[in-house]
């Protein structure tokens, strides 16, 4: 009986450990897990983390990023906000929060040149 219980507990631990949150890496040159932050966010689920490599993120897939109601984390891989920059080029916002993303986290990167288009 003890052996069966130990086996069940071990299997439960193995199964629950494999079902964790995913981490995706996005690099400014497009050579990460996804070519843009937007693509990584589209693939992410609540609880996932998107790491941004150091450099400057430009272009349509790297601005007006909609959190889509999901509690995900977007942060720089290095933790250096001065080295990881999302440049909106005065073409839109950095991120959109419109569906109650109370547990979403943005951390350790700079958003610059954002604008609200009318």
Foldseek 3Di string as FASTA:
>chain_A
DVVVVVVVVVVVVVVVVVPAAEEWEEEQPLPTPGRAPQVVLVVGAARHEYEYEFDEHDDDRQAQRENPLHQYEYEHPVLAQVRHEYEDLLVAHRYDDDNPNVNHYYGRHYYDNHDHDD
